[in-house]
Amino acid sequence: MNDDRLDRIVGIVLRAGVMLAAALVLIGGIAFVASHHEAAPDHRKFHAGPTPLASIHGILDGAATLNPLYIIQLGLLILIATPVVRVITCAAGFALERDWTYAIVSLIVLAFLIGSIVGSGL
């Protein structure tokens, strides 16, 4: 493992995560509009989404049933997870390079990311 190879791998991880997330949001958005074309939304009042949209397990279950709202939410979840996967990739790459300073810094960043996700109740 060298720096150029690690850069290419990290680039692939970031592109794949963003493209997958964008595809899911686009597919879910098109399916949602196609299935709700007759209903005009009332934007004067806030309407909370279904409770399962607020948990990872609920999102995965709903996306498995091909519900458009859950597919959109899964795309957003993947978009949120992409930087976390990037940091994990960097930590592993630096460890393989035996660059312990950057590996430790990456693990500290990962701990902060996971702490903020767990702290938010996601």
Protein backbone atom coordinates (compact mmCIF):
# COMPACT_ATOMS: atom_id res chain seq x y z
CA MET A 1 0.00 0.00 0.00
CA ASN A 2 1.29 3.47 -0.88
CA ASP A 3 -0.20 6.96 -0.80
CA ASP A 4 -1.26 6.98 -4.47
CA ARG A 5 -3.07 3.67 -4.16
CA LEU A 6 -4.77 4.78 -0.94
CA ASP A 7 -5.88 8.01 -2.65
CA ARG A 8 -7.39 6.02 -5.53
CA ILE A 9 -9.20 3.67 -3.14
CA VAL A 10 -10.59 6.55 -1.07
CA GLY A 11 -11.73 8.27 -4.28
CA ILE A 12 -13.52 5.12 -5.38
CA VAL A 13 -15.22 4.78 -1.98
CA LEU A 14 -16.42 8.40 -2.06
CA ARG A 15 -17.64 8.26 -5.66
CA ALA A 16 -19.41 4.94 -5.15
CA GLY A 17 -21.13 6.14 -1.98
CA VAL A 18 -22.33 9.41 -3.50
CA MET A 19 -23.45 7.79 -6.77
CA LEU A 20 -25.33 5.00 -4.95
CA ALA A 21 -27.00 7.52 -2.64
CA ALA A 22 -27.95 9.79 -5.54
CA ALA A 23 -29.36 6.88 -7.54
CA LEU A 24 -31.49 5.70 -4.63
CA VAL A 25 -32.82 9.20 -3.91
CA LEU A 26 -33.57 9.73 -7.61
CA ILE A 27 -35.32 6.36 -8.00
CA GLY A 28 -37.26 6.84 -4.79
CA GLY A 29 -38.19 10.40 -5.77
CA ILE A 30 -39.44 9.37 -9.19
CA ALA A 31 -41.42 6.48 -7.68
CA PHE A 32 -42.90 8.78 -5.03
CA VAL A 33 -43.98 11.41 -7.56
CA ALA A 34 -45.40 8.72 -9.86
CA SER A 35 -47.44 7.17 -7.06
CA HIS A 36 -48.61 10.46 -5.50
CA HIS A 37 -49.20 12.58 -8.59
CA GLU A 38 -52.84 13.28 -7.80
CA ALA A 39 -52.34 14.52 -4.24
CA ALA A 40 -51.29 18.16 -3.77
CA PRO A 41 -49.27 18.54 -0.56
CA ASP A 42 -50.42 21.02 2.05
CA HIS A 43 -47.29 23.06 2.87
CA ARG A 44 -49.05 25.29 5.41
CA LYS A 45 -48.87 22.60 8.06
CA PHE A 46 -46.03 20.31 9.10
CA HIS A 47 -46.80 16.62 8.72
CA ALA A 48 -44.31 14.31 10.41
CA GLY A 49 -43.21 11.24 8.48
CA PRO A 50 -43.92 7.70 9.63
CA THR A 51 -42.04 6.66 12.79
CA PRO A 52 -40.11 3.83 11.09
CA LEU A 53 -38.40 6.46 8.91
CA ALA A 54 -36.49 7.53 12.02
CA SER A 55 -34.65 4.23 12.65
CA ILE A 56 -32.12 2.32 10.59
CA HIS A 57 -34.04 -0.94 11.05
CA GLY A 58 -37.29 0.71 9.95
CA ILE A 59 -35.61 2.25 6.90
CA LEU A 60 -34.13 -1.08 5.82
CA ASP A 61 -37.45 -2.89 6.31
CA GLY A 62 -39.37 -0.21 4.41
CA ALA A 63 -36.83 -0.10 1.55
CA ALA A 64 -37.08 -3.90 1.25
CA THR A 65 -40.79 -3.44 0.49
CA LEU A 66 -39.83 -0.90 -2.22
CA ASN A 67 -41.69 1.93 -0.48
CA PRO A 68 -40.47 5.15 -2.20
CA LEU A 69 -40.15 7.16 1.04
CA TYR A 70 -37.94 4.50 2.57
CA ILE A 71 -35.83 4.22 -0.59
CA ILE A 72 -35.20 7.99 -0.44
CA GLN A 73 -34.34 7.72 3.24
CA LEU A 74 -31.97 4.80 2.54
CA GLY A 75 -30.18 6.94 -0.05
CA LEU A 76 -29.76 9.71 2.51
CA LEU A 77 -28.52 7.20 5.08
CA ILE A 78 -25.91 5.94 2.61
CA LEU A 79 -24.88 9.54 1.93
CA ILE A 80 -24.37 10.05 5.67
CA ALA A 81 -22.43 6.79 5.97
CA THR A 82 -20.06 7.58 3.07
CA PRO A 83 -17.66 9.81 5.07
CA VAL A 84 -17.60 7.24 7.87
CA VAL A 85 -16.57 4.53 5.39
CA ARG A 86 -13.95 6.92 4.03
CA VAL A 87 -12.40 7.38 7.48
CA ILE A 88 -12.42 3.60 8.04
CA THR A 89 -10.72 3.12 4.67
CA CYS A 90 -8.10 5.73 5.54
CA ALA A 91 -7.42 4.19 8.93
CA ALA A 92 -6.98 0.75 7.37
CA GLY A 93 -4.80 2.13 4.57
CA PHE A 94 -2.56 4.04 6.96
CA ALA A 95 -2.24 0.95 9.16
CA LEU A 96 -1.21 -1.11 6.11
CA GLU A 97 1.37 1.58 5.28
CA ARG A 98 2.49 1.39 8.92
CA ASP A 99 1.91 5.12 9.25
CA TRP A 100 0.73 4.88 12.84
CA THR A 101 0.33 8.62 13.45
CA TYR A 102 -2.23 9.03 10.68
CA ALA A 103 -3.87 5.70 11.53
CA ILE A 104 -4.41 6.85 15.12
CA VAL A 105 -5.66 10.27 14.00
CA SER A 106 -8.09 8.53 11.63
CA LEU A 107 -9.34 6.32 14.46
CA ILE A 108 -9.86 9.39 16.67
CA VAL A 109 -11.86 11.06 13.87
CA LEU A 110 -13.85 7.82 13.51
CA ALA A 111 -14.61 7.82 17.23
CA PHE A 112 -15.92 11.40 16.98
CA LEU A 113 -18.06 10.52 13.95
CA ILE A 114 -19.56 7.45 15.63
CA GLY A 115 -20.09 9.41 18.84
CA SER A 116 -21.97 12.13 17.01
CA ILE A 117 -24.12 9.58 15.17
CA VAL A 118 -24.91 7.64 18.35
CA GLY A 119 -25.50 10.88 20.25
CA SER A 120 -28.00 12.05 17.65
CA GLY A 121 -30.09 8.91 18.20
CA LEU A 122 -29.91 7.74 14.60
